[in-house]
Protein backbone atom coordinates (compact mmCIF):
# COMPACT_ATOMS: atom_id res chain seq x y z
CA MET A 1 181.64 306.49 123.75
CA LYS A 2 178.98 303.89 123.11
CA ASP A 3 180.25 300.32 122.63
CA ASN A 4 178.59 299.03 119.48
CA ARG A 5 180.07 295.55 119.75
CA GLU A 6 177.44 292.79 119.84
CA LYS A 7 176.99 291.28 123.29
CA HIS A 8 177.48 287.52 123.17
CA ALA A 9 174.73 285.51 124.83
CA THR A 10 175.80 283.25 127.69
CA GLN A 11 174.46 279.97 129.04
CA ASN A 12 172.93 281.98 131.88
CA ASP A 13 171.04 284.08 129.33
CA VAL A 14 169.74 280.91 127.65
CA ALA A 15 168.69 279.45 131.00
CA LYS A 16 166.86 282.63 131.99
CA LEU A 17 164.95 282.87 128.70
CA ALA A 18 164.03 279.16 128.76
CA GLY A 19 163.10 279.26 132.43
CA VAL A 20 165.44 276.42 133.39
CA THR A 21 168.64 275.92 135.33
CA ARG A 22 172.04 276.51 133.77
CA SER A 23 172.96 272.86 134.33
CA LEU A 24 170.09 271.75 132.07
CA VAL A 25 171.36 274.10 129.37
CA SER A 26 174.82 272.57 129.76
CA TYR A 27 173.40 269.03 129.39
CA VAL A 28 171.72 269.95 126.12
CA LEU A 29 174.80 271.73 124.76
CA ASN A 30 177.08 268.81 125.63
CA GLY A 31 174.75 266.18 124.18
CA THR A 32 174.28 264.50 127.58
CA ASP A 33 170.59 265.38 127.73
CA ARG A 34 168.94 261.97 127.72
CA ALA A 35 167.37 262.71 131.11
CA VAL A 36 166.06 266.11 129.99
CA ALA A 37 162.33 266.12 129.22
CA PRO A 38 161.55 266.66 125.50
CA GLU A 39 159.54 269.83 126.17
CA THR A 40 162.35 271.27 128.30
CA ARG A 41 164.91 270.44 125.63
CA LYS A 42 162.70 272.11 123.03
CA LYS A 43 162.48 275.31 125.12
CA ILE A 44 166.26 275.40 125.56
CA LEU A 45 166.86 274.95 121.83
CA GLN A 46 164.35 277.70 121.04
CA ALA A 47 166.14 280.05 123.47
CA ILE A 48 169.50 279.19 121.89
CA ASP A 49 168.07 279.99 118.46
CA GLU A 50 166.41 283.21 119.60
CA LEU A 51 169.52 284.54 121.35
CA GLY A 52 171.91 283.34 118.66
CA TYR A 53 173.96 281.61 121.35
CA ARG A 54 177.18 279.90 120.31
CA PRO A 55 179.74 278.25 122.60
CA ASN A 56 182.91 280.23 123.27
CA ARG A 57 185.62 277.61 122.75
CA PHE A 58 188.33 279.94 124.03
CA ALA A 59 186.51 280.48 127.32
CA GLN A 60 185.73 276.78 127.62
CA ALA A 61 189.40 275.96 127.10
CA LEU A 62 190.45 278.41 129.82
CA LEU A 63 187.99 276.88 132.27
CA ALA A 64 188.40 273.20 131.51
CA GLY A 65 191.79 273.00 129.82
CA LYS A 66 192.22 272.21 126.14
CA ALA A 67 192.60 268.46 126.69
CA ALA A 68 189.35 268.35 128.66
CA LEU A 69 187.61 270.30 125.91
CA ALA A 70 188.71 267.66 123.36
CA LYS A 71 187.46 264.69 125.38
CA ASN A 72 184.15 264.46 123.48
CA HIS A 73 185.63 265.05 120.05
CA LEU A 74 186.71 262.39 117.56
CA GLY A 75 188.45 262.56 114.22
CA VAL A 76 187.91 260.43 111.12
CA ILE A 77 190.48 259.81 108.38
CA LEU A 78 189.65 258.31 104.96
CA PRO A 79 192.24 257.17 102.40
CA SER A 80 190.64 259.18 99.56
CA PRO A 81 187.59 261.28 98.56
CA ALA A 82 186.39 258.39 96.36
CA MET A 83 185.28 256.53 99.48
CA LEU A 84 182.57 259.11 100.12
CA ILE A 85 180.60 257.91 97.09
CA ARG A 86 181.02 254.21 97.82
CA PRO A 87 177.85 252.92 99.58
CA TYR A 88 179.83 250.38 101.60
CA TYR A 89 181.88 253.10 103.26
CA THR A 90 179.00 255.53 103.68
CA GLU A 91 177.27 252.87 105.80
CA ILE A 92 180.39 252.56 107.96
CA LEU A 93 180.48 256.34 108.35
CA SER A 94 176.80 256.31 109.27
CA GLY A 95 177.61 253.90 112.09
CA ILE A 96 180.45 256.13 113.31
CA PHE A 97 178.41 259.33 113.33
CA THR A 98 175.35 257.64 114.88
CA ALA A 99 177.33 256.03 117.71
CA ALA A 100 179.22 259.25 118.42
CA HIS A 101 176.02 261.29 118.58
CA ARG A 102 174.31 258.72 120.77
CA ALA A 103 177.17 258.95 123.27
CA GLY A 104 177.21 262.76 123.30
CA ASN A 105 180.41 262.95 121.25
CA HIS A 106 181.14 265.01 118.16
CA ILE A 107 183.07 264.32 114.99
CA ARG A 108 185.65 267.12 115.08
CA PHE A 109 186.79 266.55 111.51
CA LEU A 110 186.66 264.17 108.55
CA ARG A 111 189.82 264.39 106.48
CA PHE A 112 191.75 262.47 103.83
CA PHE A 113 195.05 260.80 104.57
CA SER A 114 197.02 262.72 101.94
CA GLU A 115 196.12 265.97 103.70
CA LEU A 116 198.16 264.86 106.70
CA GLU A 117 201.31 265.20 104.59
CA ASN A 118 200.98 268.91 105.37
CA PRO A 119 202.86 269.22 108.70
CA ALA A 120 200.96 272.34 109.75
CA LEU A 121 197.60 270.62 109.26
CA PHE A 122 198.86 267.43 110.91
CA ASN A 123 200.02 269.35 113.98
CA SER A 124 196.74 271.27 114.11
CA LEU A 125 194.44 268.22 113.95
CA ILE A 126 196.33 265.24 115.32
CA HIS A 127 196.69 266.47 118.85
CA GLU A 128 195.16 265.57 122.23
CA GLU A 129 193.96 269.15 122.59
CA GLU A 130 191.81 268.67 119.47
CA ILE A 131 190.53 265.07 119.69
CA SER A 132 190.40 262.27 122.23
CA GLY A 133 190.27 259.51 119.61
CA LEU A 134 190.86 258.88 115.92
CA ILE A 135 189.26 256.43 113.46
CA LEU A 136 191.12 255.34 110.31
CA VAL A 137 188.72 253.83 107.76
CA GLY A 138 190.16 251.34 105.24
CA PRO A 139 193.88 251.82 105.98
CA ASP A 140 194.73 249.03 103.51
CA GLN A 141 193.86 251.53 100.76
CA ILE A 142 196.50 254.03 101.88
CA PRO A 143 199.46 253.92 99.45
CA VAL A 144 202.38 252.13 101.09
CA THR A 145 205.26 254.60 101.11
CA GLY A 146 207.91 255.68 103.56
CA GLU A 147 206.00 258.91 104.13
CA SER A 148 202.68 257.17 104.84
CA ALA A 149 204.39 254.82 107.30
CA GLN A 150 205.95 257.80 109.04
CA ILE A 151 202.57 259.53 109.31
CA LEU A 152 201.01 256.41 110.86
CA ASP A 153 203.86 256.23 113.38
CA ARG A 154 203.35 259.87 114.31
CA ILE A 155 199.61 259.30 114.75
CA ARG A 156 200.34 256.39 117.06
CA GLY A 157 202.62 258.59 119.13
CA ARG A 158 200.18 261.50 119.34
CA ILE A 159 196.75 259.98 119.98
CA PRO A 160 196.38 257.19 122.59
CA GLN A 161 193.00 255.96 121.29
CA VAL A 162 193.10 255.05 117.58
CA VAL A 163 191.01 252.42 115.76
CA THR A 164 191.26 251.17 112.20
CA VAL A 165 188.02 250.02 110.55
CA ASP A 166 187.48 247.41 107.81
CA SER A 167 191.17 246.46 107.69
CA ARG A 168 194.13 246.26 110.03
CA ALA A 169 197.24 248.40 110.30
CA ALA A 170 200.25 247.28 112.31
CA GLY A 171 200.24 248.50 115.89
CA PHE A 172 196.65 249.78 115.92
CA SER A 173 193.47 248.32 117.41
CA SER A 174 190.92 247.43 114.74
CA VAL A 175 187.33 246.46 113.97
CA VAL A 176 187.03 244.19 110.94
CA PHE A 177 185.12 241.33 109.38
CA ASP A 178 186.89 238.12 108.39
CA ARG A 179 187.45 238.57 104.65
CA ARG A 180 188.92 235.09 104.26
CA GLU A 181 185.91 233.49 105.91
CA ALA A 182 183.53 235.60 103.79
CA GLY A 183 185.33 234.50 100.62
CA TYR A 184 185.22 230.90 101.81
CA LYS A 185 181.48 231.08 102.44
CA ALA A 186 180.74 232.72 99.09
CA THR A 187 182.80 230.16 97.14
CA GLY A 188 181.27 227.31 99.11
CA ARG A 189 177.85 228.46 97.97
CA LEU A 190 178.95 228.15 94.31
CA LEU A 191 180.55 224.75 94.86
CA ARG A 192 177.51 223.31 96.60
CA ARG A 193 175.50 224.36 93.57
CA GLY A 194 177.90 222.33 91.40
CA CYS A 195 179.30 225.30 89.48
CA SER A 196 182.37 224.62 87.32
CA PRO A 197 184.59 226.30 86.39
CA VAL A 198 184.49 229.13 88.92
CA LEU A 199 186.00 232.58 88.61
CA TYR A 200 186.98 235.21 91.19
CA ILE A 201 186.65 238.88 90.25
CA GLY A 202 187.79 241.31 92.92
CA GLN A 203 190.66 242.59 95.01
CA MET A 204 193.58 240.28 95.67
CA ASP A 205 193.23 240.16 99.44
CA GLU A 206 191.95 237.69 102.02
CA ARG A 207 188.72 237.25 100.06
CA PHE A 208 190.73 235.58 97.31
CA SER A 209 192.52 233.48 99.94
CA GLY A 210 189.13 232.21 101.13
CA PHE A 211 188.19 231.44 97.52
CA ARG A 212 191.34 229.35 97.04
CA GLN A 213 190.88 227.59 100.37
CA ALA A 214 187.34 226.47 99.48
CA LEU A 215 188.54 225.12 96.12
CA PHE A 216 191.47 223.31 97.72
CA GLU A 217 189.21 221.60 100.25
CA LYS A 218 186.77 220.59 97.52
CA THR A 219 189.48 218.95 95.41
CA GLY A 220 191.46 217.57 98.33
CA GLY A 221 194.47 219.30 96.85
CA ARG A 222 194.60 216.84 93.94
CA PRO A 223 195.33 218.43 90.54
CA GLY A 224 192.61 217.89 87.96
CA CYS A 225 189.99 216.89 90.53
CA GLY A 226 186.85 218.82 91.34
CA PRO A 227 185.86 222.26 90.02
CA GLN A 228 188.22 224.04 87.67
CA VAL A 229 189.33 227.54 88.52
CA GLU A 230 190.12 230.13 85.92
CA LYS A 231 192.75 232.77 86.55
CA GLU A 232 191.42 235.47 88.86
CA ARG A 233 190.69 238.94 87.51
CA GLY A 234 191.17 242.11 89.51
CA ALA A 235 188.43 244.70 90.08
CA VAL A 236 187.54 247.18 92.82
CA ASP A 237 184.29 248.78 91.65
CA THR A 238 181.28 248.46 89.33
CA ALA A 239 183.14 249.53 86.19
CA GLY A 240 185.95 247.14 87.05
CA GLY A 241 183.51 244.24 87.43
CA TYR A 242 181.99 244.99 84.04
CA GLU A 243 185.38 245.17 82.33
CA ALA A 244 186.67 242.03 84.02
CA ILE A 245 183.82 239.77 82.90
CA ARG A 246 183.79 241.41 79.45
CA GLY A 247 187.50 240.60 79.11
CA PHE A 248 186.89 237.01 80.17
CA HIS A 249 184.05 236.63 77.65
CA THR A 250 186.15 238.15 74.87
CA GLU A 251 189.05 235.80 75.59
CA TYR A 252 187.10 232.56 76.05
CA GLY A 253 183.89 233.21 74.11
CA THR A 254 181.84 232.07 77.11
CA VAL A 255 181.36 232.67 80.83
CA PRO A 256 182.26 230.36 83.73
CA GLY A 257 179.69 228.22 85.52
CA GLY A 258 180.05 230.31 88.67
CA ILE A 259 181.38 233.77 89.54
CA PHE A 260 182.43 235.06 92.94
CA ALA A 261 182.52 238.87 93.00
CA GLY A 262 184.55 240.41 95.80
CA SER A 263 181.85 243.03 96.48
CA ASP A 264 178.25 243.84 95.55
CA GLU A 265 179.46 246.87 93.59
CA ILE A 266 181.62 244.60 91.42
CA ALA A 267 178.70 242.17 91.05
CA VAL A 268 176.44 244.94 89.69
CA GLY A 269 178.92 245.57 86.87
CA ILE A 270 179.06 241.84 86.13
CA LEU A 271 175.26 241.62 86.03
CA LYS A 272 175.07 244.50 83.55
CA PHE A 273 177.37 242.71 81.10
CA LEU A 274 175.55 239.38 81.50
CA HIS A 275 172.23 241.14 80.88
CA GLU A 276 173.60 242.79 77.73
CA LYS A 277 174.70 239.39 76.42
CA GLN A 278 171.40 237.78 77.47
CA ILE A 279 173.23 235.26 79.66
CA ALA A 280 170.82 233.81 82.19
CA VAL A 281 171.62 234.11 85.91
CA PRO A 282 171.63 231.64 87.60
CA GLY A 283 170.72 229.38 84.65
CA GLU A 284 173.96 229.72 82.66
CA THR A 285 176.19 231.17 85.36
CA ALA A 286 175.62 231.68 89.09
CA LEU A 287 176.82 234.79 90.89
CA VAL A 288 177.60 235.43 94.55
CA SER A 289 179.24 238.44 96.20
CA ILE A 290 180.08 240.10 99.53
CA ASP A 291 178.71 243.12 101.46
CA ASN A 292 174.89 242.93 101.29
CA LEU A 293 174.40 246.54 100.26
CA GLU A 294 170.80 247.72 99.99
CA ILE A 295 171.00 247.52 96.19
CA ALA A 296 171.75 243.78 96.37
CA GLY A 297 168.11 243.05 97.06
CA TYR A 298 166.93 245.12 94.08
CA THR A 299 169.13 243.89 91.22
CA CYS A 300 167.66 241.53 88.67
CA PRO A 301 168.09 238.83 89.73
CA ALA A 302 168.54 239.77 93.38
CA LEU A 303 172.08 239.04 94.56
CA THR A 304 173.02 236.20 96.85
CA THR A 305 175.70 237.80 99.01
CA VAL A 306 177.61 237.53 102.27
CA ASN A 307 176.26 240.05 104.77
CA VAL A 308 178.80 242.38 106.37
CA HIS A 309 177.55 244.37 109.38
CA LYS A 310 178.78 247.68 107.99
CA ARG A 311 177.17 250.12 110.42
CA GLN A 312 178.30 247.97 113.33
CA LEU A 313 181.91 248.26 112.13
CA GLY A 314 181.65 252.01 112.69
CA GLU A 315 179.69 251.70 115.92
CA LYS A 316 182.16 249.23 117.43
CA ALA A 317 185.07 251.52 116.55
CA VAL A 318 183.49 254.38 118.49
CA GLY A 319 182.74 252.00 121.35
CA LEU A 320 186.39 250.93 121.60
CA ILE A 321 187.51 254.54 121.85
CA LEU A 322 184.90 255.54 124.42
CA GLY A 323 185.73 252.43 126.47
CA LYS A 324 189.45 253.33 126.38
CA ALA A 325 190.12 249.94 124.81
CA ALA A 326 191.63 251.17 121.53
CA VAL A 327 195.21 250.79 122.69
CA SER A 328 198.19 250.71 120.35
CA GLY A 329 201.38 248.69 120.13
CA GLN A 330 201.68 245.13 121.40
CA ASP A 331 198.43 245.43 123.39
CA ALA A 332 196.35 246.40 120.34
CA VAL A 333 193.06 244.51 120.08
CA THR A 334 191.07 243.27 117.10
CA VAL A 335 187.28 242.96 117.12
CA THR A 336 186.06 240.66 114.33
CA LEU A 337 182.37 240.85 113.41
CA PRO A 338 180.55 237.75 112.07
CA THR A 339 179.23 237.36 108.52
CA GLU A 340 176.45 235.23 107.08
CA ILE A 341 175.14 234.23 103.65
CA VAL A 342 171.98 236.01 102.45
CA GLU A 343 170.33 233.70 99.93
CA ARG A 344 168.60 235.35 96.98
CA GLU A 345 168.07 234.53 93.31
CA SER A 346 171.52 234.85 91.67
CA CYS A 347 172.92 231.65 93.21
């Protein structure tokens, strides 16, 4: 009886068609082909396409062992799907994917933290036979519950190389920027301009602590001296920034002399409201923010902001994993990237 099953192409078949050695084919397939000539790489890829070659993961696992097969695979966990449409986080993800590709590694999966509540999925993904390292982006945005804490503990016990990015989580290595320092720098810019009173609109984290520190140093801690500070108003995104400044204007009938927005996204919402009310920036109120997203240079007026090296946050996280430096527990390390003011028209 004739066997009608399709014959799967092998690496030897690819090598024969491309006229190269099998080892060169292996280099290209594994992403470690920097020393392969461009024309040779092109021929190998054309042969792969023509033969319809695809790696046989089962055979690879038998030959190398499942843990060895996972050594070039990383996982990424986000707190929620909303982060995928936030430009700040897409730049971090760009850094992660770029650094992984450059090093011949692959992103095995990108999942959301709530999915890990499914024990079957958790056991399938969070395992040394699937990934050699895991990156948690923005863990401060994961709801604090007994279940989430338990999941983080189980991750720590399963995967030796785990890095958190943009914020810390107890017991994990991390790559962050100094939010307090960024808030301090942004507020200092307003104070040097002589703005009073000043208002913070953003998340109640270390950025607000930096805001308060700059005000305290300006006044010397003496009540009634130096710039006044209005009560802070919370916001996390563009709509929140718009609503926060609208609420302030409704309550006081005016706007403060200076506004520190916790992010560029929040600042865009603030600018929209100020434009609608024909309030001049920086003439009537100055505005400074944090992140230095691409859009910050194209708003009207262009935003003065604190630059955060977003892609480098992702790149450094991959580097820690590949360098086996992303240890957990008491030996966990923190890499803090610098920030700097980018002066534009809004302040």
